[in-house]
N, C-alpha and C. Protein backbone atom coordinates (compact mmCIF):
# COMPACT_ATOMS: atom_id res chain seq x y z
N MET A 1 -32.82 129.98 -234.98
CA MET A 1 -33.79 128.93 -234.66
C MET A 1 -34.52 129.23 -233.38
N PHE A 2 -33.83 129.89 -232.39
CA PHE A 2 -34.49 130.39 -231.21
C PHE A 2 -33.71 131.59 -230.68
N SER A 3 -34.27 132.26 -229.71
CA SER A 3 -33.56 133.43 -229.13
C SER A 3 -33.84 133.53 -227.63
N THR A 4 -33.00 134.26 -226.96
CA THR A 4 -33.17 134.57 -225.55
C THR A 4 -33.08 136.10 -225.46
N ALA A 5 -33.14 136.64 -224.26
CA ALA A 5 -33.17 138.10 -224.11
C ALA A 5 -32.03 138.81 -224.81
N LEU A 6 -30.83 138.26 -224.74
CA LEU A 6 -29.67 138.94 -225.30
C LEU A 6 -29.08 138.31 -226.56
N LEU A 7 -29.44 137.06 -226.85
CA LEU A 7 -28.77 136.32 -227.92
C LEU A 7 -29.77 135.68 -228.90
N THR A 8 -29.29 135.46 -230.11
CA THR A 8 -30.02 134.64 -231.08
C THR A 8 -29.15 133.46 -231.40
N TYR A 9 -29.80 132.34 -231.74
CA TYR A 9 -29.10 131.04 -231.92
C TYR A 9 -29.41 130.49 -233.30
N SER A 10 -28.36 130.03 -233.98
CA SER A 10 -28.55 129.42 -235.31
C SER A 10 -27.76 128.11 -235.34
N ILE A 11 -28.35 127.12 -236.00
CA ILE A 11 -27.65 125.83 -236.18
C ILE A 11 -26.35 126.09 -236.93
N ILE A 12 -25.29 125.47 -236.50
CA ILE A 12 -24.00 125.60 -237.15
C ILE A 12 -23.97 124.85 -238.48
N THR A 13 -23.53 125.54 -239.54
CA THR A 13 -23.44 124.92 -240.87
C THR A 13 -22.00 125.04 -241.34
N ALA A 14 -21.77 124.51 -242.53
CA ALA A 14 -20.40 124.56 -243.13
C ALA A 14 -19.97 126.01 -243.37
N ASN A 15 -20.89 126.94 -243.48
CA ASN A 15 -20.57 128.36 -243.67
C ASN A 15 -20.06 129.02 -242.39
N ASP A 16 -20.10 128.34 -241.27
CA ASP A 16 -19.76 128.96 -239.98
C ASP A 16 -18.36 128.63 -239.49
N VAL A 17 -17.50 128.07 -240.32
CA VAL A 17 -16.17 127.64 -239.87
C VAL A 17 -15.41 128.76 -239.20
N ASP A 18 -15.39 129.93 -239.81
CA ASP A 18 -14.63 131.06 -239.25
C ASP A 18 -15.20 131.46 -237.87
N ASP A 19 -16.54 131.56 -237.77
CA ASP A 19 -17.17 131.93 -236.49
C ASP A 19 -16.95 130.89 -235.41
N VAL A 20 -17.02 129.59 -235.77
CA VAL A 20 -16.77 128.54 -234.80
C VAL A 20 -15.30 128.63 -234.33
N PHE A 21 -14.38 128.81 -235.28
CA PHE A 21 -12.96 128.92 -234.91
C PHE A 21 -12.73 130.10 -233.98
N ILE A 22 -13.35 131.21 -234.25
CA ILE A 22 -13.18 132.41 -233.40
C ILE A 22 -13.69 132.12 -231.99
N THR A 23 -14.83 131.46 -231.84
CA THR A 23 -15.39 131.27 -230.49
C THR A 23 -14.62 130.23 -229.71
N MET A 24 -14.00 129.26 -230.35
CA MET A 24 -13.36 128.16 -229.61
C MET A 24 -11.85 128.32 -229.53
N ASN A 25 -11.27 129.26 -230.25
CA ASN A 25 -9.83 129.41 -230.30
C ASN A 25 -9.24 130.15 -229.10
N ASN A 26 -9.29 129.46 -227.98
CA ASN A 26 -8.80 130.01 -226.74
C ASN A 26 -8.23 128.82 -225.90
N GLN A 27 -7.05 128.96 -225.38
CA GLN A 27 -6.42 127.84 -224.68
C GLN A 27 -7.26 127.37 -223.47
N GLN A 28 -7.81 128.30 -222.71
CA GLN A 28 -8.61 127.93 -221.54
C GLN A 28 -9.85 127.17 -221.99
N THR A 29 -10.50 127.60 -223.08
CA THR A 29 -11.67 126.89 -223.61
C THR A 29 -11.27 125.49 -224.05
N ALA A 30 -10.20 125.38 -224.82
CA ALA A 30 -9.75 124.09 -225.33
C ALA A 30 -9.46 123.13 -224.20
N GLU A 31 -8.86 123.63 -223.14
CA GLU A 31 -8.51 122.76 -222.01
C GLU A 31 -9.73 122.34 -221.20
N ALA A 32 -10.75 123.18 -221.15
CA ALA A 32 -11.98 122.86 -220.40
C ALA A 32 -12.90 121.93 -221.18
N VAL A 33 -12.91 122.10 -222.51
CA VAL A 33 -13.76 121.24 -223.35
C VAL A 33 -12.99 119.98 -223.65
N SER A 34 -13.51 118.86 -223.29
CA SER A 34 -12.75 117.61 -223.30
C SER A 34 -12.30 117.12 -224.67
N PHE A 35 -12.93 117.53 -225.76
CA PHE A 35 -12.57 116.99 -227.08
C PHE A 35 -11.69 117.89 -227.90
N LEU A 36 -11.32 119.05 -227.43
CA LEU A 36 -10.53 120.00 -228.19
C LEU A 36 -9.04 119.80 -227.92
N HIS A 37 -8.27 119.98 -228.98
CA HIS A 37 -6.79 120.00 -228.89
C HIS A 37 -6.34 121.43 -228.85
N TRP A 38 -5.27 121.71 -228.16
CA TRP A 38 -4.62 123.01 -228.21
C TRP A 38 -3.23 122.84 -228.75
N PRO A 39 -2.70 123.66 -229.64
CA PRO A 39 -3.39 124.84 -230.22
C PRO A 39 -4.46 124.41 -231.21
N MET A 40 -5.44 125.28 -231.34
CA MET A 40 -6.57 125.03 -232.23
C MET A 40 -6.13 125.02 -233.68
N THR A 41 -6.86 124.25 -234.48
CA THR A 41 -6.62 124.25 -235.92
C THR A 41 -7.95 124.53 -236.63
N ARG A 42 -7.83 125.05 -237.81
CA ARG A 42 -9.03 125.30 -238.62
C ARG A 42 -9.77 123.98 -238.89
N LYS A 43 -9.01 122.89 -238.99
CA LYS A 43 -9.58 121.59 -239.25
C LYS A 43 -10.55 121.16 -238.13
N GLN A 44 -10.21 121.50 -236.86
CA GLN A 44 -11.15 121.20 -235.77
C GLN A 44 -12.45 121.94 -235.95
N ALA A 45 -12.40 123.17 -236.35
CA ALA A 45 -13.61 123.95 -236.59
C ALA A 45 -14.42 123.37 -237.76
N GLU A 46 -13.73 122.96 -238.81
CA GLU A 46 -14.40 122.33 -239.94
C GLU A 46 -15.09 121.04 -239.53
N ASN A 47 -14.42 120.24 -238.72
CA ASN A 47 -14.98 118.96 -238.25
C ASN A 47 -16.23 119.27 -237.38
N TRP A 48 -16.15 120.29 -236.57
CA TRP A 48 -17.31 120.66 -235.70
C TRP A 48 -18.49 121.06 -236.54
N CYS A 49 -18.25 121.81 -237.58
CA CYS A 49 -19.35 122.24 -238.48
C CYS A 49 -19.96 121.03 -239.21
N GLN A 50 -19.10 120.11 -239.62
CA GLN A 50 -19.59 118.89 -240.29
C GLN A 50 -20.43 118.05 -239.30
N LYS A 51 -19.94 117.92 -238.08
CA LYS A 51 -20.68 117.14 -237.06
C LYS A 51 -22.05 117.80 -236.82
N SER A 52 -22.09 119.14 -236.80
CA SER A 52 -23.37 119.82 -236.57
C SER A 52 -24.34 119.55 -237.70
N ALA A 53 -23.89 119.68 -238.94
CA ALA A 53 -24.80 119.41 -240.08
C ALA A 53 -25.32 117.99 -240.08
N GLN A 54 -24.45 117.01 -239.83
CA GLN A 54 -24.84 115.64 -239.81
C GLN A 54 -25.79 115.35 -238.63
N GLY A 55 -25.46 115.90 -237.48
CA GLY A 55 -26.29 115.70 -236.28
C GLY A 55 -27.67 116.30 -236.43
N PHE A 56 -27.75 117.49 -237.02
CA PHE A 56 -29.05 118.13 -237.20
C PHE A 56 -29.90 117.31 -238.18
N GLN A 57 -29.28 116.83 -239.25
CA GLN A 57 -29.98 116.00 -240.23
C GLN A 57 -30.49 114.71 -239.59
N ASN A 58 -29.69 114.10 -238.70
CA ASN A 58 -30.04 112.86 -238.05
C ASN A 58 -30.88 113.04 -236.79
N LYS A 59 -31.15 114.31 -236.40
CA LYS A 59 -31.84 114.64 -235.17
C LYS A 59 -31.18 114.07 -233.93
N SER A 60 -29.83 114.07 -233.96
CA SER A 60 -29.08 113.57 -232.83
C SER A 60 -28.25 114.66 -232.12
N ASP A 61 -27.92 115.68 -232.86
CA ASP A 61 -27.13 116.80 -232.30
C ASP A 61 -27.75 118.12 -232.77
N TYR A 62 -27.91 119.01 -231.83
CA TYR A 62 -28.43 120.35 -232.12
C TYR A 62 -27.39 121.34 -231.65
N MET A 63 -26.55 121.84 -232.56
CA MET A 63 -25.39 122.62 -232.22
C MET A 63 -25.56 124.03 -232.73
N PHE A 64 -25.57 124.99 -231.80
CA PHE A 64 -25.91 126.37 -232.13
C PHE A 64 -24.75 127.32 -231.88
N LEU A 65 -24.63 128.30 -232.77
CA LEU A 65 -23.80 129.49 -232.46
C LEU A 65 -24.73 130.48 -231.80
N ALA A 66 -24.27 131.06 -230.73
CA ALA A 66 -25.00 132.13 -230.06
C ALA A 66 -24.44 133.45 -230.57
N HIS A 67 -25.33 134.34 -231.01
CA HIS A 67 -24.90 135.64 -231.59
C HIS A 67 -25.39 136.82 -230.75
N ASP A 68 -24.52 137.74 -230.54
CA ASP A 68 -24.86 139.05 -229.99
C ASP A 68 -24.92 139.97 -231.19
N ASN A 69 -26.13 140.31 -231.59
CA ASN A 69 -26.37 140.96 -232.89
C ASN A 69 -25.78 140.05 -233.97
N ASP A 70 -24.77 140.46 -234.71
CA ASP A 70 -24.17 139.61 -235.72
C ASP A 70 -22.85 139.02 -235.32
N THR A 71 -22.45 139.21 -234.08
CA THR A 71 -21.13 138.76 -233.60
C THR A 71 -21.29 137.42 -232.86
N PRO A 72 -20.49 136.40 -233.25
CA PRO A 72 -20.56 135.15 -232.55
C PRO A 72 -20.03 135.31 -231.11
N ALA A 73 -20.87 134.91 -230.16
CA ALA A 73 -20.53 135.08 -228.72
C ALA A 73 -20.20 133.77 -228.06
N GLY A 74 -20.57 132.63 -228.66
CA GLY A 74 -20.31 131.33 -228.06
C GLY A 74 -21.04 130.23 -228.74
N TYR A 75 -21.08 129.08 -228.07
CA TYR A 75 -21.66 127.87 -228.58
C TYR A 75 -22.49 127.20 -227.48
N ILE A 76 -23.61 126.63 -227.85
CA ILE A 76 -24.39 125.78 -226.95
C ILE A 76 -24.96 124.63 -227.78
N GLY A 77 -24.93 123.44 -227.23
CA GLY A 77 -25.43 122.31 -228.01
C GLY A 77 -26.06 121.24 -227.15
N LEU A 78 -26.91 120.45 -227.83
CA LEU A 78 -27.54 119.28 -227.26
C LEU A 78 -27.09 118.06 -228.04
N HIS A 79 -26.73 117.02 -227.34
CA HIS A 79 -26.27 115.80 -227.95
C HIS A 79 -27.10 114.64 -227.38
N SER A 80 -28.00 114.07 -228.18
CA SER A 80 -28.86 113.01 -227.67
C SER A 80 -28.04 111.75 -227.41
N GLN A 81 -28.55 110.88 -226.57
CA GLN A 81 -27.87 109.67 -226.14
C GLN A 81 -28.50 108.47 -226.81
N ASN A 82 -27.69 107.68 -227.53
CA ASN A 82 -28.18 106.52 -228.23
C ASN A 82 -28.91 105.54 -227.32
N ASP A 83 -28.36 105.32 -226.13
CA ASP A 83 -28.94 104.34 -225.20
C ASP A 83 -30.15 104.90 -224.46
N LYS A 84 -30.38 106.18 -224.50
CA LYS A 84 -31.46 106.83 -223.79
C LYS A 84 -31.96 108.02 -224.62
N PRO A 85 -32.79 107.76 -225.63
CA PRO A 85 -33.16 108.85 -226.57
C PRO A 85 -33.89 110.05 -225.96
N GLU A 86 -34.46 109.87 -224.75
CA GLU A 86 -35.16 110.99 -224.10
C GLU A 86 -34.18 111.88 -223.33
N CYS A 87 -32.88 111.54 -223.37
CA CYS A 87 -31.86 112.22 -222.61
C CYS A 87 -30.83 112.84 -223.56
N ALA A 88 -30.36 114.04 -223.18
CA ALA A 88 -29.33 114.73 -223.99
C ALA A 88 -28.30 115.37 -223.09
N GLU A 89 -27.10 115.45 -223.60
CA GLU A 89 -26.02 116.15 -222.93
C GLU A 89 -25.94 117.55 -223.47
N ILE A 90 -25.72 118.53 -222.59
CA ILE A 90 -25.50 119.88 -223.09
C ILE A 90 -24.02 120.20 -222.93
N GLY A 91 -23.52 121.02 -223.85
CA GLY A 91 -22.16 121.51 -223.80
C GLY A 91 -22.17 122.94 -224.27
N TYR A 92 -21.20 123.72 -223.84
CA TYR A 92 -21.18 125.13 -224.20
C TYR A 92 -19.79 125.72 -223.98
N TRP A 93 -19.56 126.81 -224.67
CA TRP A 93 -18.41 127.65 -224.37
C TRP A 93 -18.74 129.05 -224.79
N VAL A 94 -18.04 130.00 -224.21
CA VAL A 94 -18.25 131.42 -224.52
C VAL A 94 -16.97 131.98 -225.10
N SER A 95 -17.11 132.77 -226.17
CA SER A 95 -15.97 133.43 -226.77
C SER A 95 -15.23 134.29 -225.75
N GLU A 96 -13.94 134.34 -225.89
CA GLU A 96 -13.09 135.05 -224.95
C GLU A 96 -13.59 136.48 -224.65
N THR A 97 -13.99 137.19 -225.69
CA THR A 97 -14.43 138.58 -225.49
C THR A 97 -15.76 138.71 -224.75
N TYR A 98 -16.47 137.61 -224.55
CA TYR A 98 -17.77 137.66 -223.87
C TYR A 98 -17.78 136.99 -222.52
N LYS A 99 -16.65 136.46 -222.10
CA LYS A 99 -16.61 135.80 -220.78
C LYS A 99 -16.87 136.80 -219.66
N GLY A 100 -17.50 136.27 -218.62
CA GLY A 100 -17.76 137.11 -217.44
C GLY A 100 -18.96 138.02 -217.55
N GLN A 101 -19.79 137.84 -218.58
CA GLN A 101 -20.94 138.71 -218.81
C GLN A 101 -22.28 138.02 -218.55
N GLY A 102 -22.22 136.78 -218.06
CA GLY A 102 -23.45 136.03 -217.79
C GLY A 102 -24.07 135.35 -218.99
N LEU A 103 -23.37 135.37 -220.14
CA LEU A 103 -23.97 134.79 -221.32
C LEU A 103 -24.04 133.27 -221.27
N ALA A 104 -23.10 132.61 -220.62
CA ALA A 104 -23.17 131.15 -220.51
C ALA A 104 -24.43 130.72 -219.77
N THR A 105 -24.79 131.42 -218.71
CA THR A 105 -26.00 131.10 -217.98
C THR A 105 -27.22 131.32 -218.87
N GLU A 106 -27.25 132.42 -219.58
CA GLU A 106 -28.37 132.68 -220.48
C GLU A 106 -28.46 131.58 -221.54
N MET A 107 -27.33 131.21 -222.13
CA MET A 107 -27.30 130.15 -223.12
C MET A 107 -27.82 128.80 -222.52
N ALA A 108 -27.36 128.49 -221.34
CA ALA A 108 -27.77 127.22 -220.73
C ALA A 108 -29.29 127.23 -220.45
N GLN A 109 -29.79 128.33 -219.90
CA GLN A 109 -31.22 128.42 -219.63
C GLN A 109 -32.02 128.35 -220.94
N GLY A 110 -31.53 128.97 -221.99
CA GLY A 110 -32.20 128.94 -223.27
C GLY A 110 -32.24 127.56 -223.86
N ILE A 111 -31.14 126.81 -223.79
CA ILE A 111 -31.14 125.47 -224.40
C ILE A 111 -32.00 124.50 -223.56
N VAL A 112 -32.06 124.69 -222.24
CA VAL A 112 -32.95 123.87 -221.42
C VAL A 112 -34.39 124.06 -221.88
N ASP A 113 -34.84 125.28 -222.03
CA ASP A 113 -36.20 125.57 -222.51
C ASP A 113 -36.44 124.93 -223.86
N PHE A 114 -35.48 125.11 -224.78
CA PHE A 114 -35.62 124.55 -226.13
C PHE A 114 -35.67 123.02 -226.09
N ALA A 115 -34.80 122.41 -225.28
CA ALA A 115 -34.74 120.97 -225.19
C ALA A 115 -36.03 120.35 -224.67
N PHE A 116 -36.54 120.94 -223.61
CA PHE A 116 -37.76 120.39 -222.97
C PHE A 116 -39.03 120.77 -223.73
N ASN A 117 -39.12 122.01 -224.17
CA ASN A 117 -40.39 122.50 -224.75
C ASN A 117 -40.52 122.26 -226.26
N ASP A 118 -39.41 122.33 -226.99
CA ASP A 118 -39.49 122.20 -228.44
C ASP A 118 -39.07 120.81 -228.92
N LEU A 119 -38.12 120.18 -228.26
CA LEU A 119 -37.62 118.88 -228.72
C LEU A 119 -38.14 117.70 -227.93
N GLY A 120 -38.75 117.94 -226.80
CA GLY A 120 -39.35 116.86 -226.02
C GLY A 120 -38.40 116.01 -225.20
N PHE A 121 -37.20 116.48 -224.93
CA PHE A 121 -36.31 115.71 -224.05
C PHE A 121 -36.88 115.72 -222.64
N GLU A 122 -36.59 114.68 -221.89
CA GLU A 122 -37.07 114.51 -220.52
C GLU A 122 -36.00 114.73 -219.48
N GLU A 123 -34.71 114.57 -219.89
CA GLU A 123 -33.60 114.67 -218.94
C GLU A 123 -32.40 115.24 -219.69
N LEU A 124 -31.67 116.12 -219.01
CA LEU A 124 -30.44 116.69 -219.56
C LEU A 124 -29.32 116.46 -218.54
N PHE A 125 -28.11 116.37 -219.07
CA PHE A 125 -26.94 116.29 -218.18
C PHE A 125 -25.78 117.02 -218.80
N SER A 126 -24.80 117.31 -217.96
CA SER A 126 -23.58 118.00 -218.41
C SER A 126 -22.47 117.63 -217.45
N THR A 127 -21.25 117.73 -217.91
CA THR A 127 -20.10 117.50 -217.04
C THR A 127 -19.22 118.74 -217.02
N THR A 128 -18.50 118.91 -215.93
CA THR A 128 -17.52 119.97 -215.83
C THR A 128 -16.23 119.39 -215.29
N ALA A 129 -15.14 119.99 -215.71
CA ALA A 129 -13.83 119.59 -215.13
C ALA A 129 -13.87 119.91 -213.65
N GLN A 130 -13.14 119.15 -212.86
CA GLN A 130 -13.14 119.34 -211.40
C GLN A 130 -12.70 120.73 -211.00
N ASP A 131 -11.88 121.35 -211.85
CA ASP A 131 -11.37 122.69 -211.51
C ASP A 131 -12.04 123.79 -212.30
N ASN A 132 -13.34 123.66 -212.56
CA ASN A 132 -14.06 124.63 -213.35
C ASN A 132 -15.29 125.13 -212.60
N PRO A 133 -15.12 125.88 -211.50
CA PRO A 133 -16.25 126.34 -210.72
C PRO A 133 -17.19 127.28 -211.47
N ALA A 134 -16.67 128.01 -212.47
CA ALA A 134 -17.53 128.90 -213.22
C ALA A 134 -18.60 128.10 -214.00
N SER A 135 -18.21 127.00 -214.57
CA SER A 135 -19.17 126.17 -215.28
C SER A 135 -20.15 125.51 -214.34
N GLU A 136 -19.69 125.10 -213.18
CA GLU A 136 -20.59 124.56 -212.19
C GLU A 136 -21.67 125.57 -211.79
N LYS A 137 -21.28 126.83 -211.64
CA LYS A 137 -22.20 127.90 -211.29
C LYS A 137 -23.22 128.11 -212.40
N VAL A 138 -22.79 128.04 -213.66
CA VAL A 138 -23.69 128.16 -214.79
C VAL A 138 -24.78 127.08 -214.72
N LEU A 139 -24.35 125.85 -214.53
CA LEU A 139 -25.29 124.73 -214.52
C LEU A 139 -26.25 124.83 -213.33
N THR A 140 -25.75 125.21 -212.19
CA THR A 140 -26.60 125.34 -211.01
C THR A 140 -27.66 126.44 -211.22
N LYS A 141 -27.26 127.56 -211.78
CA LYS A 141 -28.20 128.63 -212.08
C LYS A 141 -29.27 128.21 -213.07
N ALA A 142 -28.91 127.26 -213.96
CA ALA A 142 -29.87 126.78 -214.95
C ALA A 142 -30.73 125.65 -214.41
N GLY A 143 -30.56 125.30 -213.12
CA GLY A 143 -31.41 124.31 -212.49
C GLY A 143 -30.84 122.94 -212.36
N PHE A 144 -29.63 122.72 -212.85
CA PHE A 144 -28.99 121.40 -212.75
C PHE A 144 -28.56 121.13 -211.31
N VAL A 145 -28.51 119.82 -210.97
CA VAL A 145 -28.09 119.41 -209.65
C VAL A 145 -26.89 118.46 -209.81
N GLU A 146 -25.85 118.68 -208.96
CA GLU A 146 -24.72 117.77 -209.03
C GLU A 146 -25.15 116.35 -208.67
N SER A 147 -24.70 115.39 -209.51
CA SER A 147 -25.15 114.00 -209.35
C SER A 147 -24.01 113.00 -209.36
N GLY A 148 -22.85 113.40 -208.87
CA GLY A 148 -21.71 112.47 -208.84
C GLY A 148 -20.62 112.86 -209.80
N THR A 149 -19.92 111.84 -210.28
CA THR A 149 -18.82 112.06 -211.21
C THR A 149 -19.02 111.19 -212.44
N LYS A 150 -18.29 111.53 -213.48
CA LYS A 150 -18.30 110.77 -214.72
C LYS A 150 -16.91 110.89 -215.37
N ASP A 151 -16.38 109.80 -215.84
CA ASP A 151 -15.12 109.83 -216.56
C ASP A 151 -15.38 110.29 -217.98
N VAL A 152 -14.61 111.28 -218.43
CA VAL A 152 -14.79 111.87 -219.75
C VAL A 152 -13.50 111.64 -220.53
N PRO A 153 -13.61 111.10 -221.76
CA PRO A 153 -12.40 110.86 -222.58
C PRO A 153 -11.80 112.17 -223.08
N LEU A 154 -10.49 112.23 -223.05
CA LEU A 154 -9.72 113.38 -223.56
C LEU A 154 -9.09 113.05 -224.92
N PRO A 155 -8.67 114.07 -225.71
CA PRO A 155 -8.11 113.81 -227.02
C PRO A 155 -6.91 112.87 -227.04
N ASP A 156 -6.13 112.83 -225.94
CA ASP A 156 -4.95 111.97 -225.90
C ASP A 156 -5.27 110.53 -225.52
N GLY A 157 -6.58 110.23 -225.32
CA GLY A 157 -6.98 108.88 -224.96
C GLY A 157 -7.14 108.64 -223.47
N SER A 158 -6.65 109.56 -222.65
CA SER A 158 -6.79 109.42 -221.23
C SER A 158 -8.22 109.79 -220.79
N MET A 159 -8.50 109.58 -219.53
CA MET A 159 -9.83 109.92 -219.00
C MET A 159 -9.66 111.00 -217.95
N ARG A 160 -10.69 111.89 -217.87
CA ARG A 160 -10.68 112.94 -216.85
C ARG A 160 -11.95 112.73 -215.98
N SER A 161 -11.74 112.62 -214.70
CA SER A 161 -12.87 112.53 -213.79
C SER A 161 -13.50 113.94 -213.73
N SER A 162 -14.78 113.98 -214.02
CA SER A 162 -15.49 115.25 -214.09
C SER A 162 -16.73 115.21 -213.21
N ARG A 163 -17.22 116.38 -212.85
CA ARG A 163 -18.44 116.45 -212.06
C ARG A 163 -19.62 116.29 -213.04
N LEU A 164 -20.62 115.52 -212.60
CA LEU A 164 -21.80 115.27 -213.39
C LEU A 164 -22.98 116.04 -212.83
N PHE A 165 -23.70 116.74 -213.69
CA PHE A 165 -24.89 117.49 -213.31
C PHE A 165 -26.06 117.02 -214.12
N LYS A 166 -27.23 116.94 -213.49
CA LYS A 166 -28.44 116.48 -214.17
C LYS A 166 -29.62 117.41 -213.93
N LEU A 167 -30.55 117.37 -214.86
CA LEU A 167 -31.78 118.13 -214.76
C LEU A 167 -32.92 117.34 -215.39
N GLN A 168 -34.00 117.14 -214.65
CA GLN A 168 -35.17 116.43 -215.14
C GLN A 168 -36.25 117.44 -215.53
N LYS A 169 -36.97 117.14 -216.58
CA LYS A 169 -38.13 117.98 -216.94
C LYS A 169 -39.17 117.89 -215.86
N SER A 170 -39.68 119.04 -215.43
CA SER A 170 -40.68 119.03 -214.36
C SER A 170 -42.10 119.02 -214.91
């Protein structure tokens, strides 16, 4: 659906369960992403693919696999906000074999351009766990500014205080 210098992006479909599972099946990823349980299950990947298909159809979620040639390298997504339709949350993760190569920053910059220029969003936000400086660096490089904290629900029902980052369309 779009591409950046190193990656191509495609909306996640039901056919992508294996690739989604491969990119998210990492304990560090599961612990950083607030909605994932560890150990990973194939059912979680199936649910993610179903959420993507429904969200794309409803124009509420735009969930992409990032590919390095034909190899899944990670995920980047936009999730619109019901109470503020001009605003979307971004989320991302990078497959274990691609971490440390700058791909998260490229993915974040690519989704910002897509969100503002192709989808017409006016504001984006993202959260990071308090102990995730790598993700903070990704967001800062993509132009986001730290804007306080936000409580994020975890799979066990508890809340995690996270850093909130925002970016306005210029």
